[in-house]
Amino acid sequence: MGTLIPATQFSGLTDPVSSLEGAGRIIGEYYPATHMFTISRGVFSKALDLHDLAASFWPLLAAIPVIMGIAVWALPKQDK
């Protein structure tokens, strides 16, 4: 639930990010799901290639170390 609600509210799934105001727009522009939806729409609806979608791949690549770092920090090693 912690990631599902922001993914639908701030990523442009239901409303475009450009129509959001204030903190919602800032969150929407930095949220990785926003860029994933841009890539999905470009590939499936507009038949764009990798060169056309390159600007949306960089934020996703930048989010990988951040998300992995938070996961490693938040999920401590479990002893058997």
PDB file of N, CA and C in Angstrom:
ATOM      1  N   MET A   1       0.825  -1.196   0.000  1.00  0.00           N
ATOM      2  CA  MET A   1       0.000   0.000   0.000  1.00  0.00           C
ATOM      3  C   MET A   1       0.872   1.263   0.000  1.00  0.00           C
ATOM      4  N   GLY A   2       2.056   1.152   0.576  1.00  0.00           N
ATOM      5  CA  GLY A   2       2.926   2.317   0.670  1.00  0.00           C
ATOM      6  C   GLY A   2       3.449   2.783  -0.668  1.00  0.00           C
ATOM      7  N   THR A   3       3.509   1.900  -1.644  1.00  0.00           N
ATOM      8  CA  THR A   3       3.975   2.301  -2.969  1.00  0.00           C
ATOM      9  C   THR A   3       2.855   2.319  -3.998  1.00  0.00           C
ATOM     10  N   LEU A   4       1.775   1.618  -3.747  1.00  0.00           N
ATOM     11  CA  LEU A   4       0.682   1.562  -4.714  1.00  0.00           C
ATOM     12  C   LEU A   4      -0.056   2.887  -4.817  1.00  0.00           C
ATOM     13  N   ILE A   5      -0.362   3.496  -3.693  1.00  0.00           N
ATOM     14  CA  ILE A   5      -1.096   4.762  -3.704  1.00  0.00           C
ATOM     15  C   ILE A   5      -0.296   5.884  -4.354  1.00  0.00           C
ATOM     16  N   PRO A   6       0.987   6.090  -3.999  1.00  0.00           N
ATOM     17  CA  PRO A   6       1.749   7.126  -4.711  1.00  0.00           C
ATOM     18  C   PRO A   6       1.915   6.817  -6.195  1.00  0.00           C
ATOM     19  N   ALA A   7       2.025   5.548  -6.538  1.00  0.00           N
ATOM     20  CA  ALA A   7       2.194   5.194  -7.950  1.00  0.00           C
ATOM     21  C   ALA A   7       0.982   5.601  -8.770  1.00  0.00           C
ATOM     22  N   THR A   8      -0.201   5.496  -8.220  1.00  0.00           N
ATOM     23  CA  THR A   8      -1.389   5.881  -8.975  1.00  0.00           C
ATOM     24  C   THR A   8      -1.692   7.372  -8.856  1.00  0.00           C
ATOM     25  N   GLN A   9      -1.386   7.970  -7.727  1.00  0.00           N
ATOM     26  CA  GLN A   9      -1.723   9.375  -7.510  1.00  0.00           C
ATOM     27  C   GLN A   9      -0.751  10.339  -8.183  1.00  0.00           C
ATOM     28  N   PHE A  10       0.547  10.024  -8.119  1.00  0.00           N
ATOM     29  CA  PHE A  10       1.547  10.996  -8.533  1.00  0.00           C
ATOM     30  C   PHE A  10       2.264  10.658  -9.830  1.00  0.00           C
ATOM     31  N   SER A  11       2.044   9.509 -10.408  1.00  0.00           N
ATOM     32  CA  SER A  11       2.840   9.092 -11.556  1.00  0.00           C
ATOM     33  C   SER A  11       2.219   9.427 -12.902  1.00  0.00           C
ATOM     34  N   GLY A  12       0.995   9.887 -12.923  1.00  0.00           N
ATOM     35  CA  GLY A  12       0.356  10.182 -14.191  1.00  0.00           C
ATOM     36  C   GLY A  12      -0.504   9.046 -14.704  1.00  0.00           C
ATOM     37  N   LEU A  13      -0.772   8.069 -13.876  1.00  0.00           N
ATOM     38  CA  LEU A  13      -1.615   6.954 -14.297  1.00  0.00           C
ATOM     39  C   LEU A  13      -3.054   7.413 -14.490  1.00  0.00           C
ATOM     40  N   THR A  14      -3.589   8.174 -13.550  1.00  0.00           N
ATOM     41  CA  THR A  14      -4.967   8.640 -13.663  1.00  0.00           C
ATOM     42  C   THR A  14      -5.057  10.076 -14.169  1.00  0.00           C
ATOM     43  N   ASP A  15      -4.158  10.936 -13.705  1.00  0.00           N
ATOM     44  CA  ASP A  15      -4.116  12.339 -14.137  1.00  0.00           C
ATOM     45  C   ASP A  15      -2.691  12.661 -14.581  1.00  0.00           C
ATOM     46  N   PRO A  16      -2.543  13.482 -15.613  1.00  0.00           N
ATOM     47  CA  PRO A  16      -1.182  13.843 -16.044  1.00  0.00           C
ATOM     48  C   PRO A  16      -0.419  14.578 -14.944  1.00  0.00           C
ATOM     49  N   VAL A  17       0.876  14.345 -14.865  1.00  0.00           N
ATOM     50  CA  VAL A  17       1.711  15.005 -13.858  1.00  0.00           C
ATOM     51  C   VAL A  17       1.682  16.517 -14.074  1.00  0.00           C
ATOM     52  N   SER A  18       1.555  16.952 -15.324  1.00  0.00           N
ATOM     53  CA  SER A  18       1.526  18.389 -15.612  1.00  0.00           C
ATOM     54  C   SER A  18       0.304  19.081 -15.020  1.00  0.00           C
ATOM     55  N   SER A  19      -0.739  18.322 -14.682  1.00  0.00           N
ATOM     56  CA  SER A  19      -1.933  18.935 -14.094  1.00  0.00           C
ATOM     57  C   SER A  19      -1.867  18.995 -12.566  1.00  0.00           C
ATOM     58  N   LEU A  20      -0.860  18.368 -11.962  1.00  0.00           N
ATOM     59  CA  LEU A  20      -0.712  18.402 -10.510  1.00  0.00           C
ATOM     60  C   LEU A  20      -0.127  19.738 -10.071  1.00  0.00           C
ATOM     61  N   GLU A  21      -0.380  20.102  -8.824  1.00  0.00           N
ATOM     62  CA  GLU A  21       0.125  21.370  -8.291  1.00  0.00           C
ATOM     63  C   GLU A  21       0.902  21.129  -7.011  1.00  0.00           C
ATOM     64  N   GLY A  22       1.833  22.022  -6.727  1.00  0.00           N
ATOM     65  CA  GLY A  22       2.560  22.020  -5.467  1.00  0.00           C
ATOM     66  C   GLY A  22       3.430  20.798  -5.277  1.00  0.00           C
ATOM     67  N   ALA A  23       3.365  20.243  -4.063  1.00  0.00           N
ATOM     68  CA  ALA A  23       4.204  19.100  -3.709  1.00  0.00           C
ATOM     69  C   ALA A  23       3.854  17.864  -4.539  1.00  0.00           C
ATOM     70  N   GLY A  24       2.604  17.739  -4.942  1.00  0.00           N
ATOM     71  CA  GLY A  24       2.208  16.600  -5.769  1.00  0.00           C
ATOM     72  C   GLY A  24       2.937  16.560  -7.090  1.00  0.00           C
ATOM     73  N   ARG A  25       3.144  17.716  -7.680  1.00  0.00           N
ATOM     74  CA  ARG A  25       3.867  17.772  -8.949  1.00  0.00           C
ATOM     75  C   ARG A  25       5.347  17.434  -8.756  1.00  0.00           C
ATOM     76  N   ILE A  26       5.929  17.931  -7.678  1.00  0.00           N
ATOM     77  CA  ILE A  26       7.338  17.642  -7.400  1.00  0.00           C
ATOM     78  C   ILE A  26       7.534  16.150  -7.189  1.00  0.00           C
ATOM     79  N   ILE A  27       6.662  15.548  -6.398  1.00  0.00           N
ATOM     80  CA  ILE A  27       6.734  14.101  -6.166  1.00  0.00           C
ATOM     81  C   ILE A  27       6.538  13.359  -7.481  1.00  0.00           C
ATOM     82  N   GLY A  28       5.568  13.792  -8.266  1.00  0.00           N
ATOM     83  CA  GLY A  28       5.281  13.141  -9.537  1.00  0.00           C
ATOM     84  C   GLY A  28       6.428  13.186 -10.520  1.00  0.00           C
ATOM     85  N   GLU A  29       7.185  14.270 -10.533  1.00  0.00           N
ATOM     86  CA  GLU A  29       8.298  14.378 -11.468  1.00  0.00           C
ATOM     87  C   GLU A  29       9.479  13.507 -11.068  1.00  0.00           C
ATOM     88  N   TYR A  30       9.631  13.235  -9.782  1.00  0.00           N
ATOM     89  CA  TYR A  30      10.761  12.431  -9.315  1.00  0.00           C
ATOM     90  C   TYR A  30      10.406  10.973  -9.065  1.00  0.00           C
ATOM     91  N   TYR A  31       9.147  10.636  -9.048  1.00  0.00           N
ATOM     92  CA  TYR A  31       8.728   9.268  -8.753  1.00  0.00           C
ATOM     93  C   TYR A  31       9.067   8.369  -9.941  1.00  0.00           C
ATOM     94  N   PRO A  32       9.746   7.240  -9.728  1.00  0.00           N
ATOM     95  CA  PRO A  32      10.169   6.385 -10.850  1.00  0.00           C
ATOM     96  C   PRO A  32       9.011   5.849 -11.696  1.00  0.00           C
ATOM     97  N   ALA A  33       7.857   5.631 -11.101  1.00  0.00           N
ATOM     98  CA  ALA A  33       6.731   5.093 -11.876  1.00  0.00           C
ATOM     99  C   ALA A  33       6.278   6.060 -12.963  1.00  0.00           C
ATOM    100  N   THR A  34       6.494   7.358 -12.767  1.00  0.00           N
ATOM    101  CA  THR A  34       6.158   8.348 -13.792  1.00  0.00           C
ATOM    102  C   THR A  34       6.919   8.048 -15.077  1.00  0.00           C
ATOM    103  N   HIS A  35       8.186   7.781 -14.944  1.00  0.00           N
ATOM    104  CA  HIS A  35       9.017   7.520 -16.112  1.00  0.00           C
ATOM    105  C   HIS A  35       8.718   6.153 -16.712  1.00  0.00           C
ATOM    106  N   MET A  36       8.349   5.192 -15.878  1.00  0.00           N
ATOM    107  CA  MET A  36       7.972   3.883 -16.381  1.00  0.00           C
ATOM    108  C   MET A  36       6.708   3.970 -17.226  1.00  0.00           C
ATOM    109  N   PHE A  37       5.743   4.774 -16.785  1.00  0.00           N
ATOM    110  CA  PHE A  37       4.518   4.948 -17.566  1.00  0.00           C
ATOM    111  C   PHE A  37       4.787   5.682 -18.871  1.00  0.00           C
ATOM    112  N   THR A  38       5.704   6.638 -18.849  1.00  0.00           N
ATOM    113  CA  THR A  38       6.086   7.341 -20.081  1.00  0.00           C
ATOM    114  C   THR A  38       6.698   6.355 -21.078  1.00  0.00           C
ATOM    115  N   ILE A  39       7.557   5.478 -20.597  1.00  0.00           N
ATOM    116  CA  ILE A  39       8.175   4.476 -21.465  1.00  0.00           C
ATOM    117  C   ILE A  39       7.117   3.503 -21.985  1.00  0.00           C
ATOM    118  N   SER A  40       6.228   3.047 -21.119  1.00  0.00           N
ATOM    119  CA  SER A  40       5.185   2.100 -21.541  1.00  0.00           C
ATOM    120  C   SER A  40       4.275   2.704 -22.596  1.00  0.00           C
ATOM    121  N   ARG A  41       3.846   3.939 -22.378  1.00  0.00           N
ATOM    122  CA  ARG A  41       2.985   4.598 -23.371  1.00  0.00           C
ATOM    123  C   ARG A  41       3.724   4.810 -24.688  1.00  0.00           C
ATOM    124  N   GLY A  42       4.990   5.178 -24.595  1.00  0.00           N
ATOM    125  CA  GLY A  42       5.767   5.417 -25.807  1.00  0.00           C
ATOM    126  C   GLY A  42       5.982   4.161 -26.619  1.00  0.00           C
ATOM    127  N   VAL A  43       6.225   3.051 -25.947  1.00  0.00           N
ATOM    128  CA  VAL A  43       6.489   1.797 -26.653  1.00  0.00           C
ATOM    129  C   VAL A  43       5.204   1.205 -27.222  1.00  0.00           C
ATOM    130  N   PHE A  44       4.170   1.110 -26.402  1.00  0.00           N
ATOM    131  CA  PHE A  44       2.968   0.403 -26.826  1.00  0.00           C
ATOM    132  C   PHE A  44       1.999   1.250 -27.641  1.00  0.00           C
ATOM    133  N   SER A  45       1.906   2.537 -27.357  1.00  0.00           N
ATOM    134  CA  SER A  45       0.932   3.367 -28.063  1.00  0.00           C
ATOM    135  C   SER A  45       1.530   4.159 -29.222  1.00  0.00           C
ATOM    136  N   LYS A  46       2.801   4.557 -29.083  1.00  0.00           N
ATOM    137  CA  LYS A  46       3.392   5.431 -30.085  1.00  0.00           C
ATOM    138  C   LYS A  46       4.510   4.771 -30.880  1.00  0.00           C
ATOM    139  N   ALA A  47       4.890   3.549 -30.543  1.00  0.00           N
ATOM    140  CA  ALA A  47       5.940   2.795 -31.223  1.00  0.00           C
ATOM    141  C   ALA A  47       7.256   3.566 -31.262  1.00  0.00           C
ATOM    142  N   LEU A  48       7.621   4.195 -30.136  1.00  0.00           N
ATOM    143  CA  LEU A  48       8.882   4.924 -30.050  1.00  0.00           C
ATOM    144  C   LEU A  48      10.023   3.947 -29.819  1.00  0.00           C
ATOM    145  N   ASP A  49      11.217   4.334 -30.255  1.00  0.00           N
ATOM    146  CA  ASP A  49      12.364   3.463 -30.052  1.00  0.00           C
ATOM    147  C   ASP A  49      13.196   3.935 -28.859  1.00  0.00           C
ATOM    148  N   LEU A  50      14.310   3.238 -28.613  1.00  0.00           N
ATOM    149  CA  LEU A  50      15.149   3.513 -27.446  1.00  0.00           C
ATOM    150  C   LEU A  50      15.687   4.939 -27.452  1.00  0.00           C
ATOM    151  N   HIS A  51      16.050   5.428 -28.618  1.00  0.00           N
ATOM    152  CA  HIS A  51      16.584   6.790 -28.714  1.00  0.00           C
ATOM    153  C   HIS A  51      15.547   7.833 -28.284  1.00  0.00           C
ATOM    154  N   ASP A  52      14.301   7.630 -28.644  1.00  0.00           N
ATOM    155  CA  ASP A  52      13.236   8.570 -28.286  1.00  0.00           C
ATOM    156  C   ASP A  52      12.908   8.534 -26.792  1.00  0.00           C
ATOM    157  N   LEU A  53      13.139   7.411 -26.156  1.00  0.00           N
ATOM    158  CA  LEU A  53      12.767   7.239 -24.747  1.00  0.00           C
ATOM    159  C   LEU A  53      13.950   7.348 -23.791  1.00  0.00           C
ATOM    160  N   ALA A  54      15.135   7.685 -24.298  1.00  0.00           N
ATOM    161  CA  ALA A  54      16.342   7.710 -23.474  1.00  0.00           C
ATOM    162  C   ALA A  54      16.212   8.658 -22.284  1.00  0.00           C
ATOM    163  N   ALA A  55      15.526   9.778 -22.456  1.00  0.00           N
ATOM    164  CA  ALA A  55      15.374  10.739 -21.355  1.00  0.00           C
ATOM    165  C   ALA A  55      14.594  10.148 -20.186  1.00  0.00           C
ATOM    166  N   SER A  56      13.750   9.169 -20.429  1.00  0.00           N
ATOM    167  CA  SER A  56      12.983   8.549 -19.346  1.00  0.00           C
ATOM    168  C   SER A  56      13.706   7.384 -18.697  1.00  0.00           C
ATOM    169  N   PHE A  57      14.722   6.839 -19.366  1.00  0.00           N
ATOM    170  CA  PHE A  57      15.475   5.730 -18.776  1.00  0.00           C
ATOM    171  C   PHE A  57      16.457   6.200 -17.716  1.00  0.00           C
ATOM    172  N   TRP A  58      17.045   7.388 -17.873  1.00  0.00           N
ATOM    173  CA  TRP A  58      18.042   7.873 -16.910  1.00  0.00           C
ATOM    174  C   TRP A  58      17.487   8.026 -15.502  1.00  0.00           C
ATOM    175  N   PRO A  59      16.298   8.588 -15.310  1.00  0.00           N
ATOM    176  CA  PRO A  59      15.769   8.643 -13.934  1.00  0.00           C
ATOM    177  C   PRO A  59      15.516   7.266 -13.337  1.00  0.00           C
ATOM    178  N   LEU A  60      15.129   6.301 -14.154  1.00  0.00           N
ATOM    179  CA  LEU A  60      14.935   4.944 -13.641  1.00  0.00           C
ATOM    180  C   LEU A  60      16.261   4.329 -13.225  1.00  0.00           C
ATOM    181  N   LEU A  61      17.294   4.549 -14.014  1.00  0.00           N
ATOM    182  CA  LEU A  61      18.618   4.028 -13.652  1.00  0.00           C
ATOM    183  C   LEU A  61      19.153   4.701 -12.395  1.00  0.00           C
ATOM    184  N   ALA A  62      18.856   5.980 -12.226  1.00  0.00           N
ATOM    185  CA  ALA A  62      19.304   6.691 -11.026  1.00  0.00           C
ATOM    186  C   ALA A  62      18.547   6.225  -9.786  1.00  0.00           C
ATOM    187  N   ALA A  63      17.321   5.742  -9.968  1.00  0.00           N
ATOM    188  CA  ALA A  63      16.510   5.307  -8.832  1.00  0.00           C
ATOM    189  C   ALA A  63      16.944   3.945  -8.300  1.00  0.00           C
ATOM    190  N   ILE A  64      17.628   3.153  -9.105  1.00  0.00           N
ATOM    191  CA  ILE A  64      18.021   1.805  -8.674  1.00  0.00           C
ATOM    192  C   ILE A  64      18.891   1.829  -7.420  1.00  0.00           C
ATOM    193  N   PRO A  65      20.002   2.598  -7.381  1.00  0.00           N
ATOM    194  CA  PRO A  65      20.802   2.582  -6.145  1.00  0.00           C
ATOM    195  C   PRO A  65      20.061   3.150  -4.942  1.00  0.00           C
ATOM    196  N   VAL A  66      19.188   4.118  -5.174  1.00  0.00           N
ATOM    197  CA  VAL A  66      18.426   4.702  -4.065  1.00  0.00           C
ATOM    198  C   VAL A  66      17.472   3.665  -3.476  1.00  0.00           C
ATOM    199  N   ILE A  67      16.721   3.005  -4.322  1.00  0.00           N
ATOM    200  CA  ILE A  67      15.756   2.003  -3.852  1.00  0.00           C
ATOM    201  C   ILE A  67      16.470   0.815  -3.217  1.00  0.00           C
ATOM    202  N   MET A  68      17.569   0.367  -3.835  1.00  0.00           N
ATOM    203  CA  MET A  68      18.321  -0.745  -3.261  1.00  0.00           C
ATOM    204  C   MET A  68      18.942  -0.363  -1.921  1.00  0.00           C
ATOM    205  N   GLY A  69      19.440   0.852  -1.807  1.00  0.00           N
ATOM    206  CA  GLY A  69      20.009   1.316  -0.542  1.00  0.00           C
ATOM    207  C   GLY A  69      18.980   1.355   0.568  1.00  0.00           C
ATOM    208  N   ILE A  70      17.796   1.853   0.259  1.00  0.00           N
ATOM    209  CA  ILE A  70      16.718   1.889   1.252  1.00  0.00           C
ATOM    210  C   ILE A  70      16.303   0.471   1.637  1.00  0.00           C
ATOM    211  N   ALA A  71      16.247  -0.426   0.654  1.00  0.00           N
ATOM    212  CA  ALA A  71      15.853  -1.810   0.949  1.00  0.00           C
ATOM    213  C   ALA A  71      16.880  -2.498   1.842  1.00  0.00           C
ATOM    214  N   VAL A  72      18.159  -2.296   1.561  1.00  0.00           N
ATOM    215  CA  VAL A  72      19.203  -2.918   2.384  1.00  0.00           C
ATOM    216  C   VAL A  72      19.181  -2.338   3.792  1.00  0.00           C
ATOM    217  N   TRP A  73      18.966  -1.040   3.892  1.00  0.00           N
ATOM    218  CA  TRP A  73      18.927  -0.393   5.199  1.00  0.00           C
ATOM    219  C   TRP A  73      17.690  -0.809   6.002  1.00  0.00           C
ATOM    220  N   ALA A  74      16.520  -0.889   5.333  1.00  0.00           N
ATOM    221  CA  ALA A  74      15.266  -1.138   6.038  1.00  0.00           C
ATOM    222  C   ALA A  74      15.039  -2.621   6.346  1.00  0.00           C
ATOM    223  N   LEU A  75      15.678  -3.505   5.608  1.00  0.00           N
ATOM    224  CA  LEU A  75      15.484  -4.931   5.827  1.00  0.00           C
ATOM    225  C   LEU A  75      16.782  -5.540   6.358  1.00  0.00           C
ATOM    226  N   PRO A  76      16.935  -5.577   7.673  1.00  0.00           N
ATOM    227  CA  PRO A  76      18.178  -6.105   8.242  1.00  0.00           C
ATOM    228  C   PRO A  76      18.291  -7.617   7.994  1.00  0.00           C
ATOM    229  N   LYS A  77      19.512  -8.093   8.074  1.00  0.00           N
ATOM    230  CA  LYS A  77      19.761  -9.518   7.890  1.00  0.00           C
ATOM    231  C   LYS A  77      19.060 -10.317   8.989  1.00  0.00           C
ATOM    232  N   GLN A  78      18.413 -11.392   8.575  1.00  0.00           N
ATOM    233  CA  GLN A  78      17.686 -12.213   9.550  1.00  0.00           C
ATOM    234  C   GLN A  78      18.528 -13.429   9.909  1.00  0.00           C
ATOM    235  N   ASP A  79      18.623 -13.688  11.192  1.00  0.00           N
ATOM    236  CA  ASP A  79      19.343 -14.873  11.656  1.00  0.00           C
ATOM    237  C   ASP A  79      18.427 -16.071  11.639  1.00  0.00           C
ATOM    238  N   LYS A  80      19.020 -17.227  11.372  1.00  0.00           N
ATOM    239  CA  LYS A  80      18.213 -18.456  11.304  1.00  0.00           C
ATOM    240  C   LYS A  80      17.987 -19.028  12.669  1.00  0.00           C
TER     241      LYS A  80
END
